[in-house]
Amino acid sequence: MTKNVCRALFFILSMLCCGCTAFQPGYETPTVSITSFDSIPSEGMILRFQIGLHIINPNRTKLQLKGISYTVSLEGHHIITGVSNNLPEIDAYGEGKVILNTAVDLFSSIGFISDLIRNQGKEEISYDLITKLDTGVLHPLIKVSKKGKISLIQGSKPQ
């Protein structure tokens, strides 16, 4: 009898750890894109920026964000990392805007700039945005990644 109770408890706990996405077979990953990137007043020598993110929820249930963590990398250098818990609730089949205040990682930026100086003939820079959306303890993190290239040639558009 005790073995059956333990198995049942293990099964229930496993289902809770998997989160509600296990019960939503058509669940789609939300889309996250950068919509703005502005400098804000700095504190000392630390460069500070305000990043605007646009989040699209393509699902039938609302996205109740508890937290977000993000990393912006240029040429493999983690230039900006940060977290926020001041987030909107995004309706089902809706979209929302998130504003993040962040600072630049000085040492990673120096490494990126020195690589850029060594490779002066480079025509484009690769970027990587990794975002983790937290919708609560009982749900798994939603990881969204976007990669592309920024052209250094005047008149070209980012890819």
C-alpha atoms as a PDB file:
ATOM      1  CA  MET A   1       0.000   0.000   0.000  1.00  0.00           C
ATOM      2  CA  THR A   2       2.785   2.423   0.899  1.00  0.00           C
ATOM      3  CA  LYS A   3       4.541   1.788  -2.427  1.00  0.00           C
ATOM      4  CA  ASN A   4       1.378   2.678  -4.352  1.00  0.00           C
ATOM      5  CA  VAL A   5       0.920   5.894  -2.365  1.00  0.00           C
ATOM      6  CA  CYS A   6       4.564   6.845  -2.995  1.00  0.00           C
ATOM      7  CA  ARG A   7       4.179   6.148  -6.717  1.00  0.00           C
ATOM      8  CA  ALA A   8       0.999   8.222  -6.896  1.00  0.00           C
ATOM      9  CA  LEU A   9       2.669  11.118  -5.057  1.00  0.00           C
ATOM     10  CA  PHE A  10       5.705  10.872  -7.334  1.00  0.00           C
ATOM     11  CA  PHE A  11       3.450  10.950 -10.413  1.00  0.00           C
ATOM     12  CA  ILE A  12       1.520  13.981  -9.142  1.00  0.00           C
ATOM     13  CA  LEU A  13       4.716  15.855  -8.244  1.00  0.00           C
ATOM     14  CA  SER A  14       6.198  15.021 -11.656  1.00  0.00           C
ATOM     15  CA  MET A  15       3.149  16.440 -13.395  1.00  0.00           C
ATOM     16  CA  LEU A  16       3.343  19.611 -11.300  1.00  0.00           C
ATOM     17  CA  CYS A  17       7.023  20.033 -12.143  1.00  0.00           C
ATOM     18  CA  CYS A  18       6.300  19.677 -15.851  1.00  0.00           C
ATOM     19  CA  GLY A  19       3.884  22.600 -15.617  1.00  0.00           C
ATOM     20  CA  CYS A  20       0.734  23.310 -17.509  1.00  0.00           C
ATOM     21  CA  THR A  21       2.447  23.196 -20.906  1.00  0.00           C
ATOM     22  CA  ALA A  22       2.249  19.416 -20.648  1.00  0.00           C
ATOM     23  CA  PHE A  23      -1.532  19.838 -20.778  1.00  0.00           C
ATOM     24  CA  GLN A  24      -1.390  22.285 -23.719  1.00  0.00           C
ATOM     25  CA  PRO A  25      -0.216  20.248 -26.704  1.00  0.00           C
ATOM     26  CA  GLY A  26      -0.583  23.193 -29.125  1.00  0.00           C
ATOM     27  CA  TYR A  27       1.475  25.592 -26.984  1.00  0.00           C
ATOM     28  CA  GLU A  28       3.672  27.918 -29.069  1.00  0.00           C
ATOM     29  CA  THR A  29       6.735  29.782 -27.835  1.00  0.00           C
ATOM     30  CA  PRO A  30       6.107  33.531 -27.520  1.00  0.00           C
ATOM     31  CA  THR A  31       8.044  35.860 -29.835  1.00  0.00           C
ATOM     32  CA  VAL A  32      10.421  38.425 -28.314  1.00  0.00           C
ATOM     33  CA  SER A  33      12.023  41.214 -30.356  1.00  0.00           C
ATOM     34  CA  ILE A  34      13.974  44.374 -29.543  1.00  0.00           C
ATOM     35  CA  THR A  35      11.997  47.486 -30.518  1.00  0.00           C
ATOM     36  CA  SER A  36      14.148  50.238 -29.024  1.00  0.00           C
ATOM     37  CA  PHE A  37      17.600  50.773 -27.598  1.00  0.00           C
ATOM     38  CA  ASP A  38      18.207  54.171 -25.959  1.00  0.00           C
ATOM     39  CA  SER A  39      20.924  55.527 -23.684  1.00  0.00           C
ATOM     40  CA  ILE A  40      19.843  56.830 -20.284  1.00  0.00           C
ATOM     41  CA  PRO A  41      21.766  58.859 -17.673  1.00  0.00           C
ATOM     42  CA  SER A  42      24.789  56.883 -16.498  1.00  0.00           C
ATOM     43  CA  GLU A  43      26.075  56.210 -13.014  1.00  0.00           C
ATOM     44  CA  GLY A  44      29.777  57.034 -13.076  1.00  0.00           C
ATOM     45  CA  MET A  45      31.594  55.262 -15.902  1.00  0.00           C
ATOM     46  CA  ILE A  46      28.928  52.590 -16.374  1.00  0.00           C
ATOM     47  CA  LEU A  47      26.970  53.035 -19.598  1.00  0.00           C
ATOM     48  CA  ARG A  48      23.243  52.518 -19.051  1.00  0.00           C
ATOM     49  CA  PHE A  49      20.564  51.780 -21.618  1.00  0.00           C
ATOM     50  CA  GLN A  50      16.834  51.340 -21.826  1.00  0.00           C
ATOM     51  CA  ILE A  51      15.788  48.423 -24.027  1.00  0.00           C
ATOM     52  CA  GLY A  52      12.273  48.048 -25.354  1.00  0.00           C
ATOM     53  CA  LEU A  53      11.059  44.505 -25.971  1.00  0.00           C
ATOM     54  CA  HIS A  54       7.935  43.508 -27.881  1.00  0.00           C
ATOM     55  CA  ILE A  55       6.439  40.195 -26.719  1.00  0.00           C
ATOM     56  CA  ILE A  56       3.798  38.388 -28.776  1.00  0.00           C
ATOM     57  CA  ASN A  57       1.728  35.650 -27.125  1.00  0.00           C
ATOM     58  CA  PRO A  58       0.374  33.306 -29.859  1.00  0.00           C
ATOM     59  CA  ASN A  59      -1.477  31.094 -27.362  1.00  0.00           C
ATOM     60  CA  ARG A  60      -5.051  30.798 -26.108  1.00  0.00           C
ATOM     61  CA  THR A  61      -4.052  31.444 -22.490  1.00  0.00           C
ATOM     62  CA  LYS A  62      -2.728  34.700 -21.088  1.00  0.00           C
ATOM     63  CA  LEU A  63       0.973  35.015 -20.330  1.00  0.00           C
ATOM     64  CA  GLN A  64       1.401  36.020 -16.685  1.00  0.00           C
ATOM     65  CA  LEU A  65       5.056  37.014 -16.488  1.00  0.00           C
ATOM     66  CA  LYS A  66       6.710  36.831 -13.067  1.00  0.00           C
ATOM     67  CA  GLY A  67      10.230  37.603 -14.255  1.00  0.00           C
ATOM     68  CA  ILE A  68      12.507  37.896 -17.251  1.00  0.00           C
ATOM     69  CA  SER A  69      16.231  37.393 -17.704  1.00  0.00           C
ATOM     70  CA  TYR A  70      18.036  38.346 -20.874  1.00  0.00           C
ATOM     71  CA  THR A  71      21.433  38.480 -22.542  1.00  0.00           C
ATOM     72  CA  VAL A  72      22.456  40.471 -25.603  1.00  0.00           C
ATOM     73  CA  SER A  73      25.663  39.221 -27.219  1.00  0.00           C
ATOM     74  CA  LEU A  74      27.682  40.725 -30.063  1.00  0.00           C
ATOM     75  CA  GLU A  75      30.155  38.417 -31.799  1.00  0.00           C
ATOM     76  CA  GLY A  76      29.906  36.000 -28.864  1.00  0.00           C
ATOM     77  CA  HIS A  77      30.642  38.650 -26.212  1.00  0.00           C
ATOM     78  CA  HIS A  78      27.892  38.986 -23.575  1.00  0.00           C
ATOM     79  CA  ILE A  79      27.584  42.771 -23.703  1.00  0.00           C
ATOM     80  CA  ILE A  80      24.344  43.209 -21.763  1.00  0.00           C
ATOM     81  CA  THR A  81      22.714  40.925 -19.201  1.00  0.00           C
ATOM     82  CA  GLY A  82      19.919  41.680 -16.821  1.00  0.00           C
ATOM     83  CA  VAL A  83      16.686  40.754 -15.102  1.00  0.00           C
ATOM     84  CA  SER A  84      13.341  42.381 -14.365  1.00  0.00           C
ATOM     85  CA  ASN A  85      10.212  41.553 -12.405  1.00  0.00           C
ATOM     86  CA  ASN A  86       8.207  44.646 -13.385  1.00  0.00           C
ATOM     87  CA  LEU A  87       6.300  43.035 -16.248  1.00  0.00           C
ATOM     88  CA  PRO A  88       2.858  43.222 -17.842  1.00  0.00           C
ATOM     89  CA  GLU A  89       0.338  40.427 -18.214  1.00  0.00           C
ATOM     90  CA  ILE A  90      -0.037  39.619 -21.921  1.00  0.00           C
ATOM     91  CA  ASP A  91      -3.502  38.545 -23.015  1.00  0.00           C
ATOM     92  CA  ALA A  92      -4.177  35.421 -25.060  1.00  0.00           C
ATOM     93  CA  TYR A  93      -3.341  36.142 -28.700  1.00  0.00           C
ATOM     94  CA  GLY A  94      -2.052  39.518 -27.523  1.00  0.00           C
ATOM     95  CA  GLU A  95       1.123  41.497 -27.368  1.00  0.00           C
ATOM     96  CA  GLY A  96       2.848  43.695 -24.853  1.00  0.00           C
ATOM     97  CA  LYS A  97       5.772  46.044 -24.466  1.00  0.00           C
ATOM     98  CA  VAL A  98       8.426  45.628 -21.797  1.00  0.00           C
ATOM     99  CA  ILE A  99      10.943  48.347 -20.918  1.00  0.00           C
ATOM    100  CA  LEU A 100      14.205  47.151 -19.341  1.00  0.00           C
ATOM    101  CA  ASN A 101      16.863  49.344 -17.738  1.00  0.00           C
ATOM    102  CA  THR A 102      20.282  47.778 -18.061  1.00  0.00           C
ATOM    103  CA  ALA A 103      24.018  48.426 -17.940  1.00  0.00           C
ATOM    104  CA  VAL A 104      26.825  47.373 -20.261  1.00  0.00           C
ATOM    105  CA  ASP A 105      29.370  44.778 -19.111  1.00  0.00           C
ATOM    106  CA  LEU A 106      32.586  46.808 -19.307  1.00  0.00           C
ATOM    107  CA  PHE A 107      35.053  43.929 -19.703  1.00  0.00           C
ATOM    108  CA  SER A 108      33.008  42.087 -22.335  1.00  0.00           C
ATOM    109  CA  SER A 109      32.640  45.369 -24.224  1.00  0.00           C
ATOM    110  CA  ILE A 110      36.396  45.906 -24.185  1.00  0.00           C
ATOM    111  CA  GLY A 111      36.892  42.386 -25.575  1.00  0.00           C
ATOM    112  CA  PHE A 112      34.307  43.037 -28.298  1.00  0.00           C
ATOM    113  CA  ILE A 113      35.874  46.377 -29.284  1.00  0.00           C
ATOM    114  CA  SER A 114      39.388  44.898 -29.394  1.00  0.00           C
ATOM    115  CA  ASP A 115      38.113  42.058 -31.633  1.00  0.00           C
ATOM    116  CA  LEU A 116      36.422  44.634 -33.854  1.00  0.00           C
ATOM    117  CA  ILE A 117      39.656  46.635 -34.146  1.00  0.00           C
ATOM    118  CA  ARG A 118      41.622  43.478 -35.036  1.00  0.00           C
ATOM    119  CA  ASN A 119      39.087  42.626 -37.758  1.00  0.00           C
ATOM    120  CA  GLN A 120      38.584  46.061 -39.313  1.00  0.00           C
ATOM    121  CA  GLY A 121      37.552  44.639 -42.697  1.00  0.00           C
ATOM    122  CA  LYS A 122      34.510  42.972 -41.169  1.00  0.00           C
ATOM    123  CA  GLU A 123      31.276  43.853 -42.975  1.00  0.00           C
ATOM    124  CA  GLU A 124      28.781  42.559 -40.404  1.00  0.00           C
ATOM    125  CA  ILE A 125      28.443  41.762 -36.717  1.00  0.00           C
ATOM    126  CA  SER A 126      26.468  38.791 -35.405  1.00  0.00           C
ATOM    127  CA  TYR A 127      24.078  39.336 -32.526  1.00  0.00           C
ATOM    128  CA  ASP A 128      22.239  36.966 -30.223  1.00  0.00           C
ATOM    129  CA  LEU A 129      19.317  37.808 -27.942  1.00  0.00           C
ATOM    130  CA  ILE A 130      18.504  35.145 -25.361  1.00  0.00           C
ATOM    131  CA  THR A 131      15.431  35.752 -23.227  1.00  0.00           C
ATOM    132  CA  LYS A 132      14.020  33.559 -20.470  1.00  0.00           C
ATOM    133  CA  LEU A 133      10.424  34.258 -19.502  1.00  0.00           C
ATOM    134  CA  ASP A 134       9.306  33.033 -16.075  1.00  0.00           C
ATOM    135  CA  THR A 135       5.566  32.452 -15.715  1.00  0.00           C
ATOM    136  CA  GLY A 136       5.683  31.006 -12.207  1.00  0.00           C
ATOM    137  CA  VAL A 137       6.917  28.162 -10.050  1.00  0.00           C
ATOM    138  CA  LEU A 138       4.661  25.505 -11.551  1.00  0.00           C
ATOM    139  CA  HIS A 139       5.590  26.334 -15.147  1.00  0.00           C
ATOM    140  CA  PRO A 140       8.870  25.734 -16.979  1.00  0.00           C
ATOM    141  CA  LEU A 141      10.941  28.713 -18.138  1.00  0.00           C
ATOM    142  CA  ILE A 142      10.138  29.809 -21.679  1.00  0.00           C
ATOM    143  CA  LYS A 143      13.423  30.319 -23.518  1.00  0.00           C
ATOM    144  CA  VAL A 144      13.329  32.530 -26.607  1.00  0.00           C
ATOM    145  CA  SER A 145      16.426  33.043 -28.750  1.00  0.00           C
ATOM    146  CA  LYS A 146      16.913  35.323 -31.729  1.00  0.00           C
ATOM    147  CA  LYS A 147      20.069  35.492 -33.837  1.00  0.00           C
ATOM    148  CA  GLY A 148      21.014  37.688 -36.744  1.00  0.00           C
ATOM    149  CA  LYS A 149      23.583  39.951 -38.296  1.00  0.00           C
ATOM    150  CA  ILE A 150      23.997  43.723 -38.281  1.00  0.00           C
ATOM    151  CA  SER A 151      25.619  45.158 -41.390  1.00  0.00           C
ATOM    152  CA  LEU A 152      28.465  47.636 -40.893  1.00  0.00           C
ATOM    153  CA  ILE A 153      28.076  48.846 -44.476  1.00  0.00           C
ATOM    154  CA  GLN A 154      26.173  52.116 -44.674  1.00  0.00           C
ATOM    155  CA  GLY A 155      22.668  51.768 -46.123  1.00  0.00           C
ATOM    156  CA  SER A 156      22.269  48.053 -45.319  1.00  0.00           C
ATOM    157  CA  LYS A 157      19.547  46.699 -43.025  1.00  0.00           C
ATOM    158  CA  PRO A 158      19.929  44.170 -40.139  1.00  0.00           C
ATOM    159  CA  GLN A 159      19.118  40.543 -40.957  1.00  0.00           C
END
